[in-house]
Amino acid sequence: MASYLEAYGAAEQHRARVIGLLKKCSIALAGVLVAGLILYAIFKNHAEERQAKNFLGSLAAHNYSVAYTMWGCTEAHPCPQYTFPKFLEDWGPKSAHASDPAAASIGLSQSCGSGVVIRLDYKSQEPVSLWVEHDSETISFAPWPECPGRHLHFGAWLKSLFGGG
């Protein structure tokens, strides 16, 4: 009779260890999943935001021809609807954005369709919404101030919590 009770207790200890291990693994998996979702929300538009920052850097360095090529246009082969003189009118030294392009910050970044709407926030001017294509990373003016439809802005909230925006 004693051996039966000893075996019974050993089985219960084994079962308790297995359940404890499953709980720990479940908690670790949930933590990794939450961390992965947070990182995805923060960094999903990283390449497009970097392209917008490079564009602002080119403007700050007064390298307008490089900034114009980021729009998929060159001085030799200008875009038919957006010529280099029109680009300089919008972004050049006499434009409203010429005061300090490096002072602009990315206020909103929303992925929708084939690109990302990136809102450039200026301290003393109206924000400007840019469109950056996912594949080619070419820049243009966004067709809307933000993507159509309802949005939670979860990524922007997370960036504000962790000092990214």
C-alpha atoms as a PDB file:
ATOM      1  CA  MET A   1       0.000   0.000   0.000  1.00  0.00           C
ATOM      2  CA  ALA A   2       2.866   2.385   0.697  1.00  0.00           C
ATOM      3  CA  SER A   3       4.312   2.001  -2.814  1.00  0.00           C
ATOM      4  CA  TYR A   4       0.966   2.921  -4.362  1.00  0.00           C
ATOM      5  CA  LEU A   5       0.818   6.193  -2.418  1.00  0.00           C
ATOM      6  CA  GLU A   6       4.465   6.999  -3.183  1.00  0.00           C
ATOM      7  CA  ALA A   7       3.853   6.510  -6.910  1.00  0.00           C
ATOM      8  CA  TYR A   8       0.679   8.608  -6.667  1.00  0.00           C
ATOM      9  CA  GLY A   9       2.577  11.515  -5.101  1.00  0.00           C
ATOM     10  CA  ALA A  10       5.349  11.325  -7.708  1.00  0.00           C
ATOM     11  CA  ALA A  11       2.806  11.492 -10.499  1.00  0.00           C
ATOM     12  CA  GLU A  12       1.181  14.560  -8.940  1.00  0.00           C
ATOM     13  CA  GLN A  13       4.563  16.294  -8.600  1.00  0.00           C
ATOM     14  CA  HIS A  14       5.340  15.550 -12.257  1.00  0.00           C
ATOM     15  CA  ARG A  15       1.923  16.872 -13.284  1.00  0.00           C
ATOM     16  CA  ALA A  16       2.450  20.054 -11.229  1.00  0.00           C
ATOM     17  CA  ARG A  17       5.877  20.611 -12.842  1.00  0.00           C
ATOM     18  CA  VAL A  18       4.415  20.167 -16.340  1.00  0.00           C
ATOM     19  CA  ILE A  19       1.574  22.597 -15.602  1.00  0.00           C
ATOM     20  CA  GLY A  20       4.051  25.128 -14.163  1.00  0.00           C
ATOM     21  CA  LEU A  21       6.239  24.795 -17.256  1.00  0.00           C
ATOM     22  CA  LEU A  22       3.222  25.274 -19.544  1.00  0.00           C
ATOM     23  CA  LYS A  23       2.190  28.412 -17.614  1.00  0.00           C
ATOM     24  CA  LYS A  24       5.691  29.877 -17.848  1.00  0.00           C
ATOM     25  CA  CYS A  25       5.917  29.091 -21.581  1.00  0.00           C
ATOM     26  CA  SER A  26       2.465  30.608 -22.192  1.00  0.00           C
ATOM     27  CA  ILE A  27       3.397  33.794 -20.342  1.00  0.00           C
ATOM     28  CA  ALA A  28       6.713  34.032 -22.218  1.00  0.00           C
ATOM     29  CA  LEU A  29       4.975  33.461 -25.566  1.00  0.00           C
ATOM     30  CA  ALA A  30       2.370  36.120 -24.767  1.00  0.00           C
ATOM     31  CA  GLY A  31       5.148  38.566 -23.790  1.00  0.00           C
ATOM     32  CA  VAL A  32       7.062  37.903 -27.004  1.00  0.00           C
ATOM     33  CA  LEU A  33       3.862  38.329 -29.022  1.00  0.00           C
ATOM     34  CA  VAL A  34       3.013  41.660 -27.346  1.00  0.00           C
ATOM     35  CA  ALA A  35       6.599  42.922 -27.770  1.00  0.00           C
ATOM     36  CA  GLY A  36       6.551  41.870 -31.438  1.00  0.00           C
ATOM     37  CA  LEU A  37       3.277  43.689 -32.073  1.00  0.00           C
ATOM     38  CA  ILE A  38       4.585  46.833 -30.380  1.00  0.00           C
ATOM     39  CA  LEU A  39       7.807  46.755 -32.422  1.00  0.00           C
ATOM     40  CA  TYR A  40       5.818  46.167 -35.616  1.00  0.00           C
ATOM     41  CA  ALA A  41       3.521  49.115 -34.888  1.00  0.00           C
ATOM     42  CA  ILE A  42       6.493  51.383 -34.215  1.00  0.00           C
ATOM     43  CA  PHE A  43       8.774  50.318 -37.075  1.00  0.00           C
ATOM     44  CA  LYS A  44       6.451  49.181 -39.898  1.00  0.00           C
ATOM     45  CA  ASN A  45       6.911  52.446 -41.842  1.00  0.00           C
ATOM     46  CA  HIS A  46      10.544  52.954 -40.864  1.00  0.00           C
ATOM     47  CA  ALA A  47      11.969  52.907 -44.413  1.00  0.00           C
ATOM     48  CA  GLU A  48       9.427  55.433 -45.662  1.00  0.00           C
ATOM     49  CA  GLU A  49       9.964  57.701 -42.644  1.00  0.00           C
ATOM     50  CA  ARG A  50      13.721  57.510 -43.226  1.00  0.00           C
ATOM     51  CA  GLN A  51      13.165  58.570 -46.861  1.00  0.00           C
ATOM     52  CA  ALA A  52      11.107  61.569 -45.679  1.00  0.00           C
ATOM     53  CA  LYS A  53      13.888  62.497 -43.217  1.00  0.00           C
ATOM     54  CA  ASN A  54      16.471  62.199 -46.018  1.00  0.00           C
ATOM     55  CA  PHE A  55      14.284  64.506 -48.118  1.00  0.00           C
ATOM     56  CA  LEU A  56      14.176  67.061 -45.297  1.00  0.00           C
ATOM     57  CA  GLY A  57      17.939  66.691 -44.854  1.00  0.00           C
ATOM     58  CA  SER A  58      18.509  67.423 -48.545  1.00  0.00           C
ATOM     59  CA  LEU A  59      16.330  70.507 -48.275  1.00  0.00           C
ATOM     60  CA  ALA A  60      18.211  71.663 -45.168  1.00  0.00           C
ATOM     61  CA  ALA A  61      21.518  71.221 -47.025  1.00  0.00           C
ATOM     62  CA  HIS A  62      20.074  73.217 -49.973  1.00  0.00           C
ATOM     63  CA  ASN A  63      20.664  70.198 -52.207  1.00  0.00           C
ATOM     64  CA  TYR A  64      17.452  70.668 -54.159  1.00  0.00           C
ATOM     65  CA  SER A  65      18.421  68.500 -57.132  1.00  0.00           C
ATOM     66  CA  VAL A  66      18.855  65.460 -54.831  1.00  0.00           C
ATOM     67  CA  ALA A  67      15.551  66.252 -53.131  1.00  0.00           C
ATOM     68  CA  TYR A  68      13.905  66.514 -56.562  1.00  0.00           C
ATOM     69  CA  THR A  69      15.225  63.074 -57.558  1.00  0.00           C
ATOM     70  CA  MET A  70      13.509  61.658 -54.463  1.00  0.00           C
ATOM     71  CA  TRP A  71      10.274  62.632 -56.193  1.00  0.00           C
ATOM     72  CA  GLY A  72      11.257  60.369 -59.088  1.00  0.00           C
ATOM     73  CA  CYS A  73      12.207  63.335 -61.250  1.00  0.00           C
ATOM     74  CA  THR A  74      15.475  64.848 -62.440  1.00  0.00           C
ATOM     75  CA  GLU A  75      16.394  68.192 -63.940  1.00  0.00           C
ATOM     76  CA  ALA A  76      17.260  66.406 -67.194  1.00  0.00           C
ATOM     77  CA  HIS A  77      13.968  64.469 -67.209  1.00  0.00           C
ATOM     78  CA  PRO A  78      11.496  66.494 -65.156  1.00  0.00           C
ATOM     79  CA  CYS A  79       8.117  65.179 -64.196  1.00  0.00           C
ATOM     80  CA  PRO A  80       5.537  66.590 -66.603  1.00  0.00           C
ATOM     81  CA  GLN A  81       3.157  67.720 -63.847  1.00  0.00           C
ATOM     82  CA  TYR A  82       5.871  68.843 -61.387  1.00  0.00           C
ATOM     83  CA  THR A  83       8.762  70.647 -63.024  1.00  0.00           C
ATOM     84  CA  PHE A  84      11.924  71.664 -61.166  1.00  0.00           C
ATOM     85  CA  PRO A  85      10.918  75.381 -61.036  1.00  0.00           C
ATOM     86  CA  LYS A  86       7.576  74.355 -59.485  1.00  0.00           C
ATOM     87  CA  PHE A  87       9.462  72.117 -57.017  1.00  0.00           C
ATOM     88  CA  LEU A  88      11.683  75.077 -56.049  1.00  0.00           C
ATOM     89  CA  GLU A  89       8.577  77.202 -55.653  1.00  0.00           C
ATOM     90  CA  ASP A  90       7.193  74.640 -53.165  1.00  0.00           C
ATOM     91  CA  TRP A  91      10.419  73.584 -51.407  1.00  0.00           C
ATOM     92  CA  GLY A  92      13.198  75.952 -52.511  1.00  0.00           C
ATOM     93  CA  PRO A  93      14.908  78.843 -50.725  1.00  0.00           C
ATOM     94  CA  LYS A  94      11.998  81.249 -51.277  1.00  0.00           C
ATOM     95  CA  SER A  95       9.255  78.812 -50.288  1.00  0.00           C
ATOM     96  CA  ALA A  96       7.251  78.852 -47.077  1.00  0.00           C
ATOM     97  CA  HIS A  97       9.130  75.726 -45.933  1.00  0.00           C
ATOM     98  CA  ALA A  98      12.587  77.199 -46.474  1.00  0.00           C
ATOM     99  CA  SER A  99      12.958  78.768 -43.029  1.00  0.00           C
ATOM    100  CA  ASP A 100      14.192  75.585 -41.373  1.00  0.00           C
ATOM    101  CA  PRO A 101      13.367  72.273 -43.081  1.00  0.00           C
ATOM    102  CA  ALA A 102      15.316  70.376 -40.418  1.00  0.00           C
ATOM    103  CA  ALA A 103      12.869  71.691 -37.795  1.00  0.00           C
ATOM    104  CA  ALA A 104      10.047  69.739 -39.422  1.00  0.00           C
ATOM    105  CA  SER A 105       9.083  66.562 -37.651  1.00  0.00           C
ATOM    106  CA  ILE A 106       7.137  63.509 -38.701  1.00  0.00           C
ATOM    107  CA  GLY A 107       3.817  63.804 -36.965  1.00  0.00           C
ATOM    108  CA  LEU A 108       1.847  60.968 -38.499  1.00  0.00           C
ATOM    109  CA  SER A 109       2.800  57.907 -40.466  1.00  0.00           C
ATOM    110  CA  GLN A 110       0.025  55.726 -41.868  1.00  0.00           C
ATOM    111  CA  SER A 111       0.365  52.839 -44.241  1.00  0.00           C
ATOM    112  CA  CYS A 112      -2.439  52.553 -46.752  1.00  0.00           C
ATOM    113  CA  GLY A 113      -2.423  50.715 -50.032  1.00  0.00           C
ATOM    114  CA  SER A 114       0.836  50.915 -51.949  1.00  0.00           C
ATOM    115  CA  GLY A 115       2.385  53.631 -49.823  1.00  0.00           C
ATOM    116  CA  VAL A 116       2.551  55.610 -46.626  1.00  0.00           C
ATOM    117  CA  VAL A 117       1.045  58.986 -45.773  1.00  0.00           C
ATOM    118  CA  ILE A 118       3.618  60.945 -43.777  1.00  0.00           C
ATOM    119  CA  ARG A 119       2.605  64.248 -42.221  1.00  0.00           C
ATOM    120  CA  LEU A 120       5.390  66.784 -41.770  1.00  0.00           C
ATOM    121  CA  ASP A 121       4.631  69.039 -38.826  1.00  0.00           C
ATOM    122  CA  TYR A 122       6.120  72.527 -38.788  1.00  0.00           C
ATOM    123  CA  LYS A 123       6.141  74.782 -35.740  1.00  0.00           C
ATOM    124  CA  SER A 124       4.856  77.923 -37.445  1.00  0.00           C
ATOM    125  CA  GLN A 125       3.192  76.538 -40.585  1.00  0.00           C
ATOM    126  CA  GLU A 126       0.465  74.215 -41.661  1.00  0.00           C
ATOM    127  CA  PRO A 127       1.475  70.538 -41.807  1.00  0.00           C
ATOM    128  CA  VAL A 128       2.264  69.002 -45.195  1.00  0.00           C
ATOM    129  CA  SER A 129       1.223  65.444 -46.039  1.00  0.00           C
ATOM    130  CA  LEU A 130       3.597  63.469 -48.226  1.00  0.00           C
ATOM    131  CA  TRP A 131       3.068  60.132 -49.953  1.00  0.00           C
ATOM    132  CA  VAL A 132       5.986  57.679 -50.028  1.00  0.00           C
ATOM    133  CA  GLU A 133       5.644  54.565 -52.194  1.00  0.00           C
ATOM    134  CA  HIS A 134       6.532  51.258 -50.504  1.00  0.00           C
ATOM    135  CA  ASP A 135       8.425  49.781 -53.468  1.00  0.00           C
ATOM    136  CA  SER A 136      10.320  52.685 -55.012  1.00  0.00           C
ATOM    137  CA  GLU A 137      10.318  55.067 -51.998  1.00  0.00           C
ATOM    138  CA  THR A 138       9.469  57.964 -54.329  1.00  0.00           C
ATOM    139  CA  ILE A 139       7.907  60.961 -52.649  1.00  0.00           C
ATOM    140  CA  SER A 140       4.939  63.034 -53.758  1.00  0.00           C
ATOM    141  CA  PHE A 141       2.196  65.070 -52.175  1.00  0.00           C
ATOM    142  CA  ALA A 142      -0.354  62.861 -50.430  1.00  0.00           C
ATOM    143  CA  PRO A 143      -3.840  62.783 -51.888  1.00  0.00           C
ATOM    144  CA  TRP A 144      -5.310  63.068 -48.348  1.00  0.00           C
ATOM    145  CA  PRO A 145      -4.127  64.466 -45.014  1.00  0.00           C
ATOM    146  CA  GLU A 146      -4.364  60.907 -43.651  1.00  0.00           C
ATOM    147  CA  CYS A 147      -5.518  57.558 -45.000  1.00  0.00           C
ATOM    148  CA  PRO A 148      -9.253  57.333 -45.624  1.00  0.00           C
ATOM    149  CA  GLY A 149     -11.339  55.519 -43.041  1.00  0.00           C
ATOM    150  CA  ARG A 150     -11.279  55.239 -39.276  1.00  0.00           C
ATOM    151  CA  HIS A 151      -7.950  54.748 -37.498  1.00  0.00           C
ATOM    152  CA  LEU A 152      -6.836  54.120 -33.939  1.00  0.00           C
ATOM    153  CA  HIS A 153      -3.373  55.730 -34.353  1.00  0.00           C
ATOM    154  CA  PHE A 154      -1.948  53.013 -32.100  1.00  0.00           C
ATOM    155  CA  GLY A 155       1.549  53.284 -33.602  1.00  0.00           C
ATOM    156  CA  ALA A 156       1.644  57.068 -33.063  1.00  0.00           C
ATOM    157  CA  TRP A 157       0.530  56.588 -29.465  1.00  0.00           C
ATOM    158  CA  LEU A 158       3.276  54.009 -28.881  1.00  0.00           C
ATOM    159  CA  LYS A 159       5.891  56.280 -30.451  1.00  0.00           C
ATOM    160  CA  SER A 160       4.826  59.121 -28.177  1.00  0.00           C
ATOM    161  CA  LEU A 161       5.172  56.834 -25.153  1.00  0.00           C
ATOM    162  CA  PHE A 162       8.696  55.745 -26.065  1.00  0.00           C
ATOM    163  CA  GLY A 163       9.947  59.135 -27.249  1.00  0.00           C
ATOM    164  CA  GLY A 164       9.902  58.347 -30.982  1.00  0.00           C
ATOM    165  CA  GLY A 165       7.583  61.100 -32.101  1.00  0.00           C
END
